[in-house]
Amino acid sequence: MASKSIYLLKERKRIKDWLDEMKIQNYTINDDLTVDVVYGNVNLESKGLTEIPVQFGIVSGWFNVDNNHLSSTKGWPSKCYLLFCRWNDVKFYKRDLKKVIKYESARTF
């Protein structure tokens, strides 16, 4: 089971360790410590997360945070192809998500 976070990680090594623990591949940790995922997806489904401890930037594939305990979009990417954010502590509505995340399609409820 993944460890839960209460803050954004601020050190490159801790960010890398968390990404590796989550089995996220093809990532780049940028100078500002945001994380881009090129040629890949981010699958954080059913990890028991209350928040995401890294700040994603661009995810070229899908970003899946289904079935967690999230109550905000903190840490979510600024852009992704497909967004999955169902079955969390709050409902995320497409009209609200479009204000903070650019995506092609979303699965919400």
Protein backbone atom coordinates (compact mmCIF):
# COMPACT_ATOMS: atom_id res chain seq x y z
CA MET A 1 0.00 0.00 0.00
CA ALA A 2 1.30 3.41 -0.95
CA SER A 3 2.23 5.87 1.72
CA LYS A 4 -0.14 8.79 2.14
CA SER A 5 1.12 12.35 1.87
CA ILE A 6 0.22 15.56 3.63
CA TYR A 7 2.41 17.91 1.56
CA LEU A 8 4.11 18.32 -1.80
CA LEU A 9 7.54 16.76 -1.91
CA LYS A 10 10.28 19.37 -2.35
CA GLU A 11 13.37 17.22 -2.95
CA ARG A 12 14.22 15.60 -6.28
CA LYS A 13 15.23 12.26 -4.70
CA ARG A 14 12.01 11.99 -2.67
CA ILE A 15 9.98 12.80 -5.78
CA LYS A 16 11.86 10.13 -7.75
CA ASP A 17 11.37 7.59 -4.97
CA TRP A 18 7.62 8.25 -4.85
CA LEU A 19 7.27 8.04 -8.65
CA ASP A 20 9.19 4.77 -8.66
CA GLU A 21 7.05 3.41 -5.80
CA MET A 22 3.94 4.26 -7.85
CA LYS A 23 5.53 2.53 -10.88
CA ILE A 24 5.33 5.65 -13.02
CA GLN A 25 7.65 5.46 -16.02
CA ASN A 26 8.97 7.79 -18.72
CA TYR A 27 8.95 10.81 -16.43
CA THR A 28 11.09 13.91 -16.25
CA ILE A 29 11.53 15.92 -13.06
CA ASN A 30 11.83 19.52 -14.21
CA ASP A 31 13.95 22.25 -12.63
CA ASP A 32 10.85 23.61 -10.86
CA LEU A 33 10.19 20.06 -9.51
CA THR A 34 7.07 19.53 -11.61
CA VAL A 35 6.86 16.12 -13.24
CA ASP A 36 6.13 15.55 -16.93
CA VAL A 37 5.28 12.08 -18.23
CA VAL A 38 6.07 11.66 -21.91
CA TYR A 39 4.98 8.58 -23.85
CA GLY A 40 3.18 7.18 -20.86
CA ASN A 41 0.33 7.19 -18.41
CA VAL A 42 -0.05 7.89 -14.71
CA ASN A 43 -2.05 5.21 -12.92
CA LEU A 44 -2.74 6.15 -9.31
CA GLU A 45 -6.00 4.20 -9.11
CA SER A 46 -6.90 2.67 -5.73
CA LYS A 47 -3.72 3.80 -3.94
CA GLY A 48 -5.50 5.15 -0.84
CA LEU A 49 -4.26 8.68 -1.53
CA THR A 50 -5.72 11.69 0.23
CA GLU A 51 -3.63 13.97 -1.99
CA ILE A 52 -0.89 13.70 -4.57
CA PRO A 53 2.53 14.60 -3.14
CA VAL A 54 4.11 15.72 -6.42
CA GLN A 55 3.03 18.36 -8.90
CA PHE A 56 2.48 16.89 -12.34
CA GLY A 57 2.88 19.15 -15.36
CA ILE A 58 2.11 17.51 -18.70
CA VAL A 59 1.03 13.87 -19.03
CA SER A 60 0.91 12.75 -22.66
CA GLY A 61 -1.37 9.79 -21.94
CA TRP A 62 -4.04 9.28 -19.33
CA PHE A 63 -4.04 10.38 -15.70
CA ASN A 64 -6.02 8.03 -13.46
CA VAL A 65 -6.86 8.89 -9.84
CA ASP A 66 -10.03 6.78 -9.61
CA ASN A 67 -11.02 5.26 -6.27
CA ASN A 68 -8.91 7.26 -3.82
CA HIS A 69 -9.78 9.75 -1.07
CA LEU A 70 -8.95 12.94 -2.95
CA SER A 71 -10.79 16.16 -2.20
CA SER A 72 -8.85 18.58 -4.41
CA THR A 73 -6.93 18.74 -7.68
CA LYS A 74 -3.65 19.59 -5.92
CA GLY A 75 -0.81 17.80 -7.72
CA TRP A 76 -2.88 17.02 -10.81
CA PRO A 77 -1.36 17.82 -14.22
CA SER A 78 -1.99 21.04 -16.08
CA LYS A 79 -2.54 18.97 -19.23
CA CYS A 80 -3.27 15.34 -20.04
CA TYR A 81 -4.96 13.38 -22.80
CA LEU A 82 -7.55 11.48 -20.77
CA LEU A 83 -8.51 12.09 -17.14
CA PHE A 84 -10.09 9.52 -14.79
CA CYS A 85 -11.22 10.87 -11.42
CA ARG A 86 -14.20 8.81 -10.28
CA TRP A 87 -15.04 7.47 -6.82
CA ASN A 88 -13.17 9.93 -4.61
CA ASP A 89 -14.22 11.78 -1.46
CA VAL A 90 -15.78 14.55 -3.56
CA LYS A 91 -17.28 14.55 -7.02
CA PHE A 92 -15.18 16.32 -9.63
CA TYR A 93 -17.31 17.91 -12.35
CA LYS A 94 -16.08 18.38 -15.90
CA ARG A 95 -17.12 22.05 -15.96
CA ASP A 96 -14.89 22.75 -12.93
CA LEU A 97 -11.98 20.58 -14.08
CA LYS A 98 -11.82 22.36 -17.45
CA LYS A 99 -10.90 25.54 -15.55
CA VAL A 100 -7.68 24.02 -14.16
CA ILE A 101 -6.75 21.09 -16.45
CA LYS A 102 -6.59 20.84 -20.22
CA TYR A 103 -7.73 17.38 -21.33
CA GLU A 104 -9.24 15.72 -24.38
CA SER A 105 -11.74 13.58 -22.49
CA ALA A 106 -12.67 12.88 -18.88
CA ARG A 107 -14.44 10.17 -16.92
CA THR A 108 -16.00 11.76 -13.85
CA PHE A 109 -18.86 11.09 -11.44
